[in-house]
N, C-alpha and C. Protein backbone atom coordinates (compact mmCIF):
# COMPACT_ATOMS: atom_id res chain seq x y z
N GLN A 1 17.83 1.17 9.07
CA GLN A 1 16.37 0.43 9.21
C GLN A 1 15.66 1.12 10.49
N LYS A 2 14.51 1.33 10.41
CA LYS A 2 13.63 1.67 11.47
C LYS A 2 12.82 0.33 11.99
N PRO A 3 12.70 0.38 13.34
CA PRO A 3 11.67 -0.80 13.71
C PRO A 3 10.36 -0.23 13.31
N VAL A 4 9.68 -1.34 12.77
CA VAL A 4 8.31 -1.08 12.25
C VAL A 4 7.49 -1.38 13.78
N GLY A 5 7.59 -2.11 14.87
CA GLY A 5 7.01 -2.50 15.74
C GLY A 5 5.73 -3.45 15.16
N LEU A 6 6.23 -4.49 14.48
CA LEU A 6 5.34 -5.46 14.32
C LEU A 6 5.12 -6.54 15.21
N HIS A 7 3.94 -7.08 15.56
CA HIS A 7 3.85 -7.95 16.26
C HIS A 7 3.30 -9.45 15.59
N GLU A 8 3.57 -10.51 16.21
CA GLU A 8 3.06 -11.66 15.96
C GLU A 8 1.61 -11.61 15.92
N GLY A 9 0.86 -12.19 14.77
CA GLY A 9 -0.55 -12.45 14.39
C GLY A 9 -1.12 -11.11 13.88
N LEU A 10 -0.16 -9.81 13.60
CA LEU A 10 -0.51 -8.56 13.13
C LEU A 10 -0.67 -8.83 11.72
N ARG A 11 -1.94 -8.25 11.16
CA ARG A 11 -2.01 -8.26 9.60
C ARG A 11 -1.60 -7.16 8.97
N PHE A 12 -0.87 -7.24 7.88
CA PHE A 12 -0.19 -6.27 7.41
C PHE A 12 -0.34 -6.15 5.85
N ALA A 13 -0.12 -5.07 5.31
CA ALA A 13 -0.55 -5.07 3.92
C ALA A 13 0.63 -4.00 3.06
N LEU A 14 1.18 -4.31 2.10
CA LEU A 14 2.18 -3.51 1.45
C LEU A 14 1.55 -2.70 0.40
N ARG A 15 1.50 -1.41 0.31
CA ARG A 15 0.78 -0.77 -0.82
C ARG A 15 1.95 0.30 -1.50
N ASP A 16 1.71 0.03 -2.66
CA ASP A 16 2.46 0.87 -3.52
C ASP A 16 1.67 1.64 -4.59
N GLY A 17 1.53 3.23 -4.33
CA GLY A 17 0.56 4.11 -5.13
C GLY A 17 -0.78 3.51 -4.86
N GLY A 18 -1.11 3.26 -3.72
CA GLY A 18 -2.57 2.88 -3.61
C GLY A 18 -3.04 1.54 -3.87
N LYS A 19 -2.23 0.71 -4.46
CA LYS A 19 -2.39 -0.53 -4.97
C LYS A 19 -1.88 -1.68 -3.96
N THR A 20 -2.56 -2.39 -3.42
CA THR A 20 -2.07 -3.45 -2.60
C THR A 20 -1.14 -4.64 -3.34
N ILE A 21 0.15 -4.62 -3.00
CA ILE A 21 1.05 -5.31 -3.48
C ILE A 21 1.37 -6.68 -2.84
N GLY A 22 0.94 -6.77 -1.61
CA GLY A 22 1.18 -7.97 -0.87
C GLY A 22 0.41 -7.61 0.65
N ALA A 23 0.08 -8.78 1.08
CA ALA A 23 -0.80 -8.85 2.47
C ALA A 23 -0.83 -10.06 3.00
N GLY A 24 -0.98 -10.26 4.33
CA GLY A 24 -0.70 -11.47 5.00
C GLY A 24 -1.02 -11.06 6.45
N VAL A 25 -0.54 -12.23 7.15
CA VAL A 25 -0.81 -12.33 8.61
C VAL A 25 0.83 -12.68 9.05
N ILE A 26 1.36 -12.08 9.82
CA ILE A 26 2.76 -12.47 10.38
C ILE A 26 2.69 -13.79 11.44
N SER A 27 3.23 -14.79 11.27
CA SER A 27 2.92 -15.99 12.05
C SER A 27 4.22 -16.18 12.88
N LYS A 28 5.38 -15.49 12.68
CA LYS A 28 6.39 -15.67 13.62
C LYS A 28 7.50 -14.56 12.93
N ILE A 29 7.98 -13.95 14.21
CA ILE A 29 9.11 -13.09 14.08
C ILE A 29 10.40 -13.43 13.95
N LEU A 30 11.24 -13.29 12.93
CA LEU A 30 12.54 -13.73 12.76
C LEU A 30 13.59 -12.69 13.29
N ASP A 31 14.46 -12.80 14.22
CA ASP A 31 15.31 -11.81 14.52
C ASP A 31 16.62 -11.65 13.64
């Protein structure tokens, strides 16, 4: 796996074929 460099409070969106399948805001990073 490659580190994606996500930070707490960062907004993210998961896209598949141009369609947003998931989105949210990271509230806590789990190791």
